[in-house]
Amino acid sequence: MFDQLGAVLARATAKRSRTPVHRHSREAGRCETGIWKKTNRQDVRHIVLAARRYEVAMKQPGARNGPLGSVALEILDLLSNLVDYRTGRLEPSIDTMMKKLRRSRDAIVRGLKALRSHGFVDWLRRYVAADDAGGKGPQVKQTSNAYRLVMPERARAFLGRYGLAAPVPDDRQQADTERQTALDAYRTTLPLDQLALFEVGDNPIGRALARLGRNISFQRESARQTESLSGFFNRERE
């Protein structure tokens, strides 16, 4: 019985040794249609631009870098120059990225993870047949990932602020117009001090403008009262 158990364990160990690849890896050449898509230079450059603005906008006060980091932006810029626009093919190895960017393997891996976690890059792990397939050694080996550049929706908003977003649909444009009209009407109801806070915000500049607005309102009210008293006395004299 022990001999049989030993044989089973030996076969299982041998089987595992023939597949030294990461879990969820796919066979190269048969899995890329789901991740590689046709693209163009403009879309790719917008992804890079959005990532740069996202990095600045999401940076925490006092932090050295934003959520992506400088290496991640370097990687994204490199990938944007390597992608085949016609097919979307993008498959540089870690070693290639290390050589091109002169960064360590750990820096490249951390940069890729940051890009993926924030939605700018996705990838599939892949394997290929080993050079000695059919022999006693491993039958397959890990190869480079298949990458895809992605525009996350939360980053697309940073392009919209600079006029790079797609044209707004008619119903959205109508809703924005109605909202702007309502805001303009609301502004006319506010006294000067509240209008300053509404437009600038509750910050030092806003509060200073609010004080100025209150002074102007006070002066106007004083002028109206003086005018009213002058008119009253003039009527009394008559």
Protein backbone atom coordinates (compact mmCIF):
# COMPACT_ATOMS: atom_id res chain seq x y z
CA MET A 1 0.00 0.00 0.00
CA PHE A 2 2.83 2.38 0.90
CA ASP A 3 4.52 1.61 -2.40
CA GLN A 4 1.33 2.51 -4.28
CA LEU A 5 0.91 5.73 -2.29
CA GLY A 6 4.52 6.66 -3.01
CA ALA A 7 3.98 6.10 -6.72
CA VAL A 8 0.89 8.36 -6.74
CA LEU A 9 2.76 11.13 -4.94
CA ALA A 10 5.68 10.80 -7.33
CA ARG A 11 3.39 11.14 -10.34
CA ALA A 12 1.69 14.20 -8.82
CA THR A 13 5.04 15.81 -8.11
CA ALA A 14 6.24 15.06 -11.61
CA LYS A 15 3.07 16.55 -13.08
CA ARG A 16 3.49 19.76 -11.09
CA SER A 17 7.13 20.04 -12.10
CA ARG A 18 6.16 20.01 -15.76
CA THR A 19 3.98 23.15 -15.39
CA PRO A 20 6.13 25.80 -13.63
CA VAL A 21 3.85 28.72 -14.56
CA HIS A 22 1.70 31.19 -12.65
CA ARG A 23 -1.89 30.28 -11.91
CA HIS A 24 -4.49 31.44 -14.43
CA SER A 25 -1.89 31.63 -17.20
CA ARG A 26 -3.21 31.14 -20.74
CA GLU A 27 -1.55 29.64 -23.76
CA ALA A 28 0.13 32.35 -25.80
CA GLY A 29 -1.37 32.74 -29.26
CA ARG A 30 -4.82 31.53 -28.22
CA CYS A 31 -5.94 33.96 -25.53
CA GLU A 32 -5.19 37.46 -26.80
CA THR A 33 -8.41 38.18 -28.72
CA GLY A 34 -10.15 38.97 -25.45
CA ILE A 35 -7.64 41.59 -24.36
CA TRP A 36 -6.07 43.10 -27.49
CA LYS A 37 -8.34 45.59 -29.24
CA LYS A 38 -7.76 47.95 -32.13
CA THR A 39 -6.93 51.47 -30.95
CA ASN A 40 -5.45 54.73 -32.23
CA ARG A 41 -2.83 57.28 -31.28
CA GLN A 42 -5.32 59.80 -29.89
CA ASP A 43 -7.00 57.35 -27.52
CA VAL A 44 -3.66 56.06 -26.29
CA ARG A 45 -2.28 59.55 -25.67
CA HIS A 46 -5.48 60.48 -23.81
CA ILE A 47 -4.93 57.54 -21.46
CA VAL A 48 -1.39 58.73 -20.73
CA LEU A 49 -2.54 62.32 -20.25
CA ALA A 50 -5.39 61.26 -17.97
CA ALA A 51 -2.97 59.22 -15.86
CA ARG A 52 -0.64 62.19 -15.43
CA ARG A 53 -3.47 64.48 -14.37
CA TYR A 54 -4.91 61.78 -12.13
CA GLU A 55 -1.53 61.46 -10.44
CA VAL A 56 -1.42 65.18 -9.66
CA ALA A 57 -5.08 65.58 -8.70
CA MET A 58 -5.15 62.56 -6.35
CA LYS A 59 -1.87 63.33 -4.61
CA GLN A 60 -2.33 63.69 -0.86
CA PRO A 61 -1.00 66.81 0.91
CA GLY A 62 2.60 66.26 1.98
CA ALA A 63 3.00 63.10 -0.10
CA ARG A 64 5.95 62.76 -2.44
CA ASN A 65 3.98 61.03 -5.18
CA GLY A 66 0.40 60.44 -6.15
CA PRO A 67 -1.34 57.05 -6.17
CA LEU A 68 0.52 55.83 -9.27
CA GLY A 69 4.06 57.02 -8.77
CA SER A 70 6.66 58.20 -11.26
CA VAL A 71 7.77 54.73 -12.35
CA ALA A 72 4.20 53.74 -13.19
CA LEU A 73 3.89 56.81 -15.42
CA GLU A 74 7.16 55.89 -17.13
CA ILE A 75 5.85 52.38 -17.75
CA LEU A 76 2.56 53.69 -19.14
CA ASP A 77 4.38 56.05 -21.47
CA LEU A 78 6.58 53.18 -22.68
CA LEU A 79 3.59 50.91 -23.27
CA SER A 80 1.86 53.67 -25.23
CA ASN A 81 4.83 53.74 -27.60
CA LEU A 82 4.99 49.95 -27.98
CA VAL A 83 1.33 49.17 -28.66
CA ASP A 84 0.32 48.19 -32.19
CA TYR A 85 -2.62 50.50 -33.00
CA ARG A 86 -3.97 48.24 -35.72
CA THR A 87 -4.25 45.11 -33.56
CA GLY A 88 -3.74 46.32 -29.99
CA ARG A 89 -0.84 43.89 -29.64
CA LEU A 90 1.24 44.74 -26.60
CA GLU A 91 3.50 42.14 -25.00
CA PRO A 92 6.80 43.52 -23.66
CA SER A 93 8.57 41.38 -21.11
CA ILE A 94 9.58 42.62 -17.67
CA ASP A 95 13.21 42.41 -18.81
CA THR A 96 12.42 44.67 -21.79
CA MET A 97 10.82 47.26 -19.55
CA MET A 98 13.75 47.08 -17.13
CA LYS A 99 16.20 47.67 -19.98
CA LYS A 100 14.22 50.47 -21.64
CA LEU A 101 13.52 52.38 -18.41
CA ARG A 102 16.67 51.40 -16.51
CA ARG A 103 14.60 50.39 -13.50
CA SER A 104 14.82 47.38 -11.21
CA ARG A 105 12.51 44.40 -11.54
CA ASP A 106 10.84 45.28 -8.23
CA ALA A 107 10.18 48.85 -9.39
CA ILE A 108 8.63 47.64 -12.66
CA VAL A 109 6.42 45.10 -10.88
CA ARG A 110 5.22 47.67 -8.34
CA GLY A 111 4.55 50.20 -11.10
CA LEU A 112 2.49 47.69 -13.08
CA LYS A 113 0.48 46.77 -9.99
CA ALA A 114 -0.29 50.44 -9.35
CA LEU A 115 -1.44 50.94 -12.94
CA ARG A 116 -3.65 47.88 -12.77
CA SER A 117 -5.16 48.67 -9.37
CA HIS A 118 -6.16 52.15 -10.60
CA GLY A 119 -7.55 50.84 -13.88
CA PHE A 120 -5.05 52.11 -16.46
CA VAL A 121 -3.60 48.73 -17.49
CA ASP A 122 -4.85 45.16 -17.60
CA TRP A 123 -3.07 41.97 -18.62
CA LEU A 124 -3.21 38.22 -19.09
CA ARG A 125 -0.45 35.89 -17.92
CA ARG A 126 0.70 33.52 -20.66
CA TYR A 127 2.79 30.44 -21.18
CA VAL A 128 4.46 28.78 -24.16
CA ALA A 129 5.80 25.32 -24.84
CA ALA A 130 9.23 24.72 -23.35
CA ASP A 131 12.23 24.24 -25.62
CA ASP A 132 12.51 20.59 -24.56
CA ALA A 133 8.78 19.84 -24.68
CA GLY A 134 8.33 16.10 -24.84
CA GLY A 135 11.34 15.42 -22.67
CA LYS A 136 11.52 14.79 -18.96
CA GLY A 137 11.78 18.46 -17.97
CA PRO A 138 9.01 21.10 -17.72
CA GLN A 139 6.69 21.02 -20.72
CA VAL A 140 5.74 24.70 -20.63
CA LYS A 141 7.31 27.93 -19.43
CA GLN A 142 6.12 31.41 -18.54
CA THR A 143 6.30 34.08 -21.23
CA SER A 144 5.52 37.79 -21.32
CA ASN A 145 2.06 39.05 -20.42
CA ALA A 146 -0.44 40.34 -22.96
CA TYR A 147 -1.21 43.95 -21.93
CA ARG A 148 -4.04 46.34 -22.68
CA LEU A 149 -4.23 50.09 -22.00
CA VAL A 150 -7.50 51.21 -20.40
CA MET A 151 -9.16 54.56 -19.69
CA PRO A 152 -10.77 54.37 -16.21
CA GLU A 153 -13.94 56.46 -15.91
CA ARG A 154 -12.75 58.30 -12.80
CA ALA A 155 -9.69 59.47 -14.74
CA ARG A 156 -11.67 60.43 -17.85
CA ALA A 157 -13.21 63.27 -15.83
CA PHE A 158 -9.81 64.97 -15.66
CA LEU A 159 -9.75 65.13 -19.44
CA GLY A 160 -13.24 66.63 -19.49
CA ARG A 161 -12.05 69.58 -17.47
CA TYR A 162 -9.63 70.46 -20.25
CA GLY A 163 -12.09 70.02 -23.08
CA LEU A 164 -10.92 66.61 -24.25
CA ALA A 165 -14.02 64.62 -23.41
CA ALA A 166 -16.36 63.31 -26.09
CA PRO A 167 -19.29 65.57 -27.15
CA VAL A 168 -22.02 65.70 -24.54
CA PRO A 169 -25.30 63.97 -25.50
CA ASP A 170 -28.27 66.27 -26.11
CA ASP A 171 -30.16 65.16 -22.98
CA ARG A 172 -27.07 65.72 -20.82
CA GLN A 173 -26.51 69.12 -22.40
CA GLN A 174 -30.13 70.08 -21.76
CA ALA A 175 -29.84 68.98 -18.12
CA ASP A 176 -26.64 71.02 -17.71
CA THR A 177 -28.33 74.08 -19.23
CA GLU A 178 -31.30 73.78 -16.88
CA ARG A 179 -28.99 73.34 -13.91
CA GLN A 180 -27.00 76.45 -14.88
CA THR A 181 -30.20 78.48 -15.24
CA ALA A 182 -31.34 77.39 -11.78
CA LEU A 183 -27.95 78.31 -10.29
CA ASP A 184 -28.02 81.74 -11.93
CA ALA A 185 -31.50 82.37 -10.52
CA TYR A 186 -30.35 81.26 -7.06
CA ARG A 187 -27.37 83.63 -7.20
CA THR A 188 -29.66 86.63 -7.67
CA THR A 189 -31.36 85.86 -4.34
CA LEU A 190 -28.15 85.86 -2.30
CA PRO A 191 -26.81 88.88 -0.41
CA LEU A 192 -23.28 89.89 -1.36
CA ASP A 193 -21.55 88.16 1.55
CA GLN A 194 -23.29 84.83 0.92
CA LEU A 195 -22.72 85.17 -2.82
CA ALA A 196 -18.98 85.47 -2.20
CA LEU A 197 -18.93 82.27 -0.14
CA PHE A 198 -21.06 80.50 -2.73
CA GLU A 199 -18.77 81.43 -5.62
CA VAL A 200 -15.34 81.16 -3.96
CA GLY A 201 -15.96 78.78 -1.07
CA ASP A 202 -15.50 78.94 2.69
CA ASN A 203 -11.80 79.72 2.60
CA PRO A 204 -9.67 82.79 3.52
CA ILE A 205 -10.32 84.50 0.18
CA GLY A 206 -14.03 83.69 0.30
CA ARG A 207 -14.36 84.99 3.87
CA ALA A 208 -12.47 88.20 2.98
CA LEU A 209 -14.80 88.80 0.03
CA ALA A 210 -17.77 88.06 2.27
CA ARG A 211 -16.65 90.78 4.72
CA LEU A 212 -16.25 93.19 1.83
CA GLY A 213 -19.73 92.25 0.62
CA ARG A 214 -21.23 92.91 4.05
CA ASN A 215 -19.56 96.35 4.15
CA ILE A 216 -20.91 97.20 0.71
CA SER A 217 -24.40 96.05 1.73
CA PHE A 218 -24.17 98.13 4.93
CA GLN A 219 -23.11 101.21 3.00
CA ARG A 220 -25.95 100.75 0.50
CA GLU A 221 -28.48 100.34 3.31
CA SER A 222 -27.14 103.45 5.07
CA ALA A 223 -27.37 105.41 1.84
CA ARG A 224 -30.98 104.31 1.32
CA GLN A 225 -31.92 105.29 4.89
CA THR A 226 -30.25 108.69 4.48
CA GLU A 227 -32.13 109.17 1.22
CA SER A 228 -35.41 108.26 2.87
CA LEU A 229 -34.84 110.69 5.76
CA SER A 230 -33.90 113.49 3.37
CA GLY A 231 -37.08 112.93 1.41
CA PHE A 232 -39.14 112.89 4.60
CA PHE A 233 -37.71 116.22 5.83
CA ASN A 234 -38.16 117.80 2.42
CA ARG A 235 -41.82 116.82 2.43
CA GLU A 236 -42.25 118.21 5.97
CA ARG A 237 -40.86 121.56 4.92
CA GLU A 238 -43.29 121.75 2.07
